[in-house]
């Protein structure tokens, strides 16, 4: 029983028929059906049709080749200039491939990094952790993926924190490889450290308040609640003006905010009012917090006890 051609084969057959038809229409003179001459003329016609058919096939191949080159160039740009670093490591932990982004992260040229041992790009204190992870990944099944963070070492001796996404690839008739994507998370690590420090400072014995750029309260600490009588749930979303005692004129607050906007800081004695209506004096320090662009994101107020207020 004859096997029926599959869809791909049918497409090829139909395409060849189409090319044949187009070639015949392009050949000058009469088609074979109109030829009533000698076999030589029929042969000549067939050769002309075949020639045109080959030229058309060649043009299609040329276009396909151009499309492949364009696709290759697009892939090259995506690989080289991706927002993350890409590194390929051999079973011996040697770097065999690296993109430009990873080179930039490590502050070294590709020629200096290729064939370098990957552990040499890691700070000494983290190399044991890397070795354990590397051995574990390479002993796992094909396409096993693991992620972890490491402190990396640049060629100039500086360091940065990176998130590594590692994928083991098993290649037929070849040693397995490890594909690593490298993401610089230094800013995230710094932010985490800053938050830890801020949390410790924030829960100090001094009353503290944090507002947004619109001066709406985001958070107060326990010392603030103890000092004023206001719970956090009562003040979040409000402006600190609810603490006003009425002892200061408009010019006082205007000068305060003018100093904050010009210098990013103000401190001085102030009279405020507790929840129970008691008016009391304290020393207030206000600092503006800015982002990398210099825009104010928060204001932090720290209140000292009444003894310090006598400085004013």
Protein backbone atom coordinates (compact mmCIF):
# COMPACT_ATOMS: atom_id res chain seq x y z
CA UNK A 1 0.00 0.00 0.00
CA UNK A 2 1.44 3.36 -1.04
CA UNK A 3 2.11 5.86 1.73
CA UNK A 4 0.21 9.12 1.37
CA UNK A 5 2.42 12.21 1.41
CA UNK A 6 2.23 14.17 4.67
CA UNK A 7 1.31 17.86 4.86
CA UNK A 8 4.91 19.03 4.45
CA UNK A 9 5.40 16.84 1.38
CA UNK A 10 2.14 18.09 -0.14
CA UNK A 11 3.28 21.67 0.45
CA UNK A 12 6.55 20.91 -1.33
CA UNK A 13 4.76 19.30 -4.27
CA UNK A 14 2.31 22.18 -4.59
CA UNK A 15 5.14 24.71 -4.36
CA UNK A 16 7.07 22.98 -7.14
CA UNK A 17 3.92 22.94 -9.28
CA UNK A 18 3.45 26.63 -8.61
CA UNK A 19 7.05 27.42 -9.52
CA UNK A 20 6.71 25.32 -12.66
CA UNK A 21 3.56 27.17 -13.68
CA UNK A 22 5.15 30.55 -13.03
CA UNK A 23 8.28 29.56 -14.92
CA UNK A 24 6.27 28.44 -17.94
CA UNK A 25 4.37 31.71 -18.00
CA UNK A 26 7.65 33.63 -17.99
CA UNK A 27 9.22 31.72 -20.87
CA UNK A 28 8.97 33.65 -24.08
CA UNK A 29 7.34 31.85 -26.95
CA UNK A 30 4.80 29.10 -26.95
CA UNK A 31 4.16 26.48 -24.31
CA UNK A 32 4.62 22.73 -24.95
CA UNK A 33 0.90 22.34 -25.63
CA UNK A 34 1.15 24.80 -28.51
CA UNK A 35 4.25 23.28 -30.00
CA UNK A 36 3.63 21.15 -33.01
CA UNK A 37 7.24 21.21 -34.07
CA UNK A 38 10.15 18.81 -33.71
CA UNK A 39 11.30 17.16 -30.45
CA UNK A 40 14.33 19.50 -30.34
CA UNK A 41 12.06 22.49 -29.97
CA UNK A 42 10.13 20.73 -27.21
CA UNK A 43 13.41 19.98 -25.44
CA UNK A 44 14.50 23.61 -25.79
CA UNK A 45 11.23 24.76 -24.28
CA UNK A 46 11.67 22.37 -21.35
CA UNK A 47 15.22 23.61 -20.78
CA UNK A 48 14.07 27.23 -20.79
CA UNK A 49 11.32 26.43 -18.30
CA UNK A 50 13.80 24.57 -16.09
CA UNK A 51 16.26 27.48 -16.26
CA UNK A 52 13.63 29.99 -15.13
CA UNK A 53 12.47 27.56 -12.46
CA UNK A 54 16.03 27.30 -11.09
CA UNK A 55 16.43 31.08 -11.13
CA UNK A 56 13.22 31.46 -9.13
CA UNK A 57 14.32 28.80 -6.65
CA UNK A 58 17.67 30.55 -6.30
CA UNK A 59 15.89 33.85 -5.56
CA UNK A 60 13.79 32.16 -2.90
CA UNK A 61 16.90 30.64 -1.34
CA UNK A 62 18.61 34.05 -1.38
CA UNK A 63 15.64 35.63 0.43
CA UNK A 64 15.56 32.78 2.94
CA UNK A 65 19.30 33.26 3.57
CA UNK A 66 18.79 36.99 4.15
CA UNK A 67 15.95 36.27 6.58
CA UNK A 68 18.18 33.83 8.45
CA UNK A 69 20.96 36.43 8.68
CA UNK A 70 18.52 39.03 9.99
CA UNK A 71 17.19 36.55 12.57
CA UNK A 72 20.76 35.70 13.58
CA UNK A 73 21.59 39.40 14.02
CA UNK A 74 18.46 39.93 16.11
CA UNK A 75 19.38 36.98 18.32
CA UNK A 76 22.96 38.27 18.63
CA UNK A 77 21.76 41.69 19.80
CA UNK A 78 19.28 40.14 22.21
CA UNK A 79 22.02 37.91 23.65
CA UNK A 80 24.82 40.46 23.81
CA UNK A 81 22.81 43.41 25.14
CA UNK A 82 20.28 41.61 27.33
CA UNK A 83 19.58 43.30 30.69
CA UNK A 84 21.11 40.26 32.43
CA UNK A 85 24.49 38.62 32.03
CA UNK A 86 24.74 35.24 30.31
CA UNK A 87 27.62 32.88 31.04
CA UNK A 88 28.24 29.30 29.91
CA UNK A 89 30.42 27.19 32.21
CA UNK A 90 31.97 23.81 31.39
CA UNK A 91 32.03 20.75 33.64
CA UNK A 92 35.47 21.93 34.80
CA UNK A 93 33.92 25.29 35.85
CA UNK A 94 35.66 27.14 33.00
CA UNK A 95 33.87 30.03 31.30
CA UNK A 96 33.35 29.10 27.64
CA UNK A 97 30.86 31.81 26.61
CA UNK A 98 29.88 35.19 28.01
CA UNK A 99 27.80 38.10 26.73
CA UNK A 100 28.76 41.78 26.83
CA UNK A 101 26.42 42.51 29.73
CA UNK A 102 28.22 39.99 31.94
CA UNK A 103 31.59 41.37 30.80
CA UNK A 104 30.44 44.82 31.89
CA UNK A 105 29.30 43.47 35.26
CA UNK A 106 32.72 41.89 35.83
CA UNK A 107 34.51 44.95 34.43
CA UNK A 108 36.65 42.90 32.05
CA UNK A 109 36.90 42.23 28.32
CA UNK A 110 35.59 39.00 26.84
CA UNK A 111 39.11 37.89 25.88
CA UNK A 112 40.21 38.14 29.52
CA UNK A 113 37.25 36.18 30.86
CA UNK A 114 36.95 33.33 28.35
CA UNK A 115 38.65 30.18 29.73
CA UNK A 116 38.84 31.71 33.19
CA UNK A 117 37.61 29.59 36.09
CA UNK A 118 34.23 30.90 37.15
CA UNK A 119 35.07 30.68 40.89
CA UNK A 120 37.75 33.33 40.26
CA UNK A 121 34.87 35.76 39.63
CA UNK A 122 33.48 35.12 43.13
CA UNK A 123 34.70 36.65 46.39
CA UNK A 124 36.81 34.11 48.35
CA UNK A 125 34.33 33.95 51.25
CA UNK A 126 31.56 32.75 48.90
CA UNK A 127 33.55 30.25 46.83
CA UNK A 128 32.78 27.26 49.08
CA UNK A 129 29.08 27.96 48.71
CA UNK A 130 29.51 28.11 44.93
CA UNK A 131 31.41 24.80 44.84
CA UNK A 132 28.66 23.04 46.80
CA UNK A 133 25.94 24.43 44.54
CA UNK A 134 27.93 23.66 41.37
CA UNK A 135 28.58 20.03 42.32
CA UNK A 136 24.96 19.57 43.33
CA UNK A 137 23.64 20.97 40.03
CA UNK A 138 26.03 18.96 37.85
CA UNK A 139 25.02 15.73 39.62
CA UNK A 140 21.33 16.34 39.02
CA UNK A 141 19.22 15.29 36.04
CA UNK A 142 19.18 17.11 32.72
CA UNK A 143 17.64 20.59 32.66
CA UNK A 144 17.79 20.88 36.44
CA UNK A 145 17.59 24.53 37.54
CA UNK A 146 18.74 26.16 40.76
CA UNK A 147 18.90 29.78 41.89
CA UNK A 148 20.95 31.45 44.61
CA UNK A 149 22.74 34.71 45.44
CA UNK A 150 26.51 35.28 45.49
CA UNK A 151 28.87 38.17 46.05
CA UNK A 152 30.85 38.55 42.82
CA UNK A 153 34.34 39.96 42.29
CA UNK A 154 35.14 42.44 39.51
CA UNK A 155 38.53 42.66 37.85
CA UNK A 156 39.22 45.97 39.59
CA UNK A 157 38.74 44.36 43.01
CA UNK A 158 35.32 45.84 43.72
CA UNK A 159 32.37 43.57 44.45
CA UNK A 160 28.65 43.33 43.70
CA UNK A 161 25.83 41.02 44.66
CA UNK A 162 24.31 38.87 41.93
CA UNK A 163 21.34 36.54 41.63
CA UNK A 164 22.35 33.41 39.70
CA UNK A 165 19.84 31.32 37.76
CA UNK A 166 21.66 28.12 36.78
CA UNK A 167 20.47 25.55 34.25
CA UNK A 168 22.32 22.32 33.50
CA UNK A 169 22.32 21.25 29.84
CA UNK A 170 23.18 17.73 28.73
CA UNK A 171 24.53 17.59 25.17
CA UNK A 172 24.73 14.38 23.12
CA UNK A 173 28.31 13.11 22.70
CA UNK A 174 29.63 16.00 24.78
CA UNK A 175 30.18 17.03 28.39
CA UNK A 176 27.32 18.77 30.21
CA UNK A 177 27.29 22.56 30.41
CA UNK A 178 25.95 25.03 32.93
CA UNK A 179 24.09 28.09 31.64
CA UNK A 180 24.06 30.95 34.13
CA UNK A 181 22.02 34.13 34.00
CA UNK A 182 23.49 36.85 36.18
CA UNK A 183 21.39 39.70 37.63
CA UNK A 184 22.99 42.53 39.61
CA UNK A 185 21.02 42.82 42.87
CA UNK A 186 23.43 45.14 44.70
CA UNK A 187 20.80 47.88 45.07
CA UNK A 188 18.28 45.38 46.44
CA UNK A 189 20.83 44.08 48.98
CA UNK A 190 21.71 47.64 49.99
CA UNK A 191 18.04 48.51 50.36
CA UNK A 192 17.51 45.43 52.56
CA UNK A 193 20.46 46.45 54.73
CA UNK A 194 19.19 50.03 54.94
CA UNK A 195 15.73 48.78 55.91
CA UNK A 196 17.20 46.61 58.67
CA UNK A 197 19.15 49.54 60.04
CA UNK A 198 16.14 51.83 59.66
CA UNK A 199 13.93 49.35 61.52
CA UNK A 200 16.39 49.30 64.43
CA UNK A 201 16.68 53.09 64.48
CA UNK A 202 12.94 53.59 64.03
CA UNK A 203 12.14 51.58 67.13
CA UNK A 204 14.48 53.68 69.23
CA UNK A 205 13.40 55.47 72.41
CA UNK A 206 12.97 58.77 70.58
CA UNK A 207 9.55 59.48 69.03
CA UNK A 208 9.76 59.28 65.23
CA UNK A 209 7.46 59.98 62.30
CA UNK A 210 7.81 59.23 58.56
CA UNK A 211 5.67 61.00 55.97
CA UNK A 212 5.43 60.83 52.19
CA UNK A 213 6.40 63.66 49.83
CA UNK A 214 2.94 65.22 50.41
CA UNK A 215 3.66 65.25 54.16
CA UNK A 216 1.04 62.59 54.90
CA UNK A 217 2.03 60.27 57.73
CA UNK A 218 3.10 56.76 56.70
CA UNK A 219 4.34 55.47 60.03
CA UNK A 220 5.10 56.43 63.62
CA UNK A 221 6.95 54.38 66.22
CA UNK A 222 5.90 53.19 69.67
CA UNK A 223 7.79 56.04 71.34
CA UNK A 224 5.64 58.52 69.38
CA UNK A 225 2.46 56.78 70.56
CA UNK A 226 3.70 56.81 74.15
CA UNK A 227 4.64 60.49 73.92
CA UNK A 228 1.51 61.85 72.20
CA UNK A 229 -1.18 59.32 73.08
CA UNK A 230 -2.02 58.74 69.39
CA UNK A 231 -2.01 55.19 68.01
CA UNK A 232 -0.57 54.60 64.54
CA UNK A 233 -4.02 53.77 63.16
CA UNK A 234 -5.23 57.23 64.23
CA UNK A 235 -2.51 59.22 62.48
CA UNK A 236 -1.61 57.33 59.28
CA UNK A 237 -2.79 59.35 56.29
CA UNK A 238 -3.03 62.59 58.27
CA UNK A 239 -0.67 65.56 58.14
CA UNK A 240 1.35 66.33 61.30
CA UNK A 241 -0.52 69.61 61.68
CA UNK A 242 -2.96 67.87 64.06
CA UNK A 243 -0.17 68.23 66.66
CA UNK A 244 -0.23 72.04 66.46
CA UNK A 245 -0.58 73.72 69.83
CA UNK A 246 -1.62 77.14 68.57
CA UNK A 247 1.44 78.73 70.19
CA UNK A 248 3.19 79.43 66.87
CA UNK A 249 2.26 81.88 64.13
CA UNK A 250 2.17 81.19 60.38
CA UNK A 251 5.63 82.75 59.94
CA UNK A 252 7.15 80.09 62.22
CA UNK A 253 5.93 77.18 60.07
CA UNK A 254 6.67 79.06 56.85
CA UNK A 255 10.31 79.55 57.89
CA UNK A 256 10.51 75.87 58.92
CA UNK A 257 9.41 74.58 55.51
CA UNK A 258 11.49 77.13 53.64
CA UNK A 259 14.57 75.76 55.42
CA UNK A 260 13.56 72.16 54.65
CA UNK A 261 13.02 72.89 50.95
CA UNK A 262 16.30 74.82 50.66
CA UNK A 263 18.62 72.70 52.80
CA UNK A 264 16.73 69.44 53.28
CA UNK A 265 16.82 69.91 57.06
CA UNK A 266 15.34 71.87 59.95
CA UNK A 267 15.59 71.61 63.72
CA UNK A 268 14.34 73.70 66.56
CA UNK A 269 12.12 73.92 69.60
CA UNK A 270 8.39 73.55 69.09
CA UNK A 271 5.23 73.45 71.15
CA UNK A 272 2.87 70.58 70.31
CA UNK A 273 -0.36 69.18 71.72
CA UNK A 274 -0.99 65.65 72.96
CA UNK A 275 -4.19 63.70 72.35
CA UNK A 276 -5.42 64.59 75.84
CA UNK A 277 -5.07 68.29 75.04
CA UNK A 278 -1.88 68.83 77.03
CA UNK A 279 0.48 71.33 75.42
CA UNK A 280 4.14 70.46 75.76
CA UNK A 281 7.50 71.57 74.35
CA UNK A 282 10.02 69.41 72.50
CA UNK A 283 12.97 69.59 70.13
CA UNK A 284 12.13 68.56 66.56
CA UNK A 285 14.52 67.55 63.77
CA UNK A 286 13.06 67.16 60.26
CA UNK A 287 15.06 65.67 57.37
CA UNK A 288 14.00 65.39 53.72
CA UNK A 289 14.75 62.02 52.06
CA UNK A 290 15.48 62.11 48.32
CA UNK A 291 15.84 59.49 45.57
CA UNK A 292 18.65 59.15 43.01
CA UNK A 293 17.05 61.89 40.90
CA UNK A 294 17.04 64.34 43.80
CA UNK A 295 13.26 64.27 44.22
CA UNK A 296 11.89 64.28 47.77
CA UNK A 297 10.25 60.96 48.61
CA UNK A 298 9.80 61.24 52.38
CA UNK A 299 10.21 63.44 55.43
CA UNK A 300 11.51 62.01 58.72
CA UNK A 301 10.78 63.78 61.99
CA UNK A 302 12.58 62.95 65.24
CA UNK A 303 11.28 64.41 68.50
CA UNK A 304 13.50 64.89 71.55
CA UNK A 305 12.41 65.41 75.14
CA UNK A 306 11.56 68.73 76.69
CA UNK A 307 14.96 69.13 78.35
CA UNK A 308 16.60 69.40 74.92
CA UNK A 309 13.99 71.96 73.91
CA UNK A 310 15.50 74.54 76.20
CA UNK A 311 18.21 74.97 73.49
CA UNK A 312 15.64 77.03 71.59
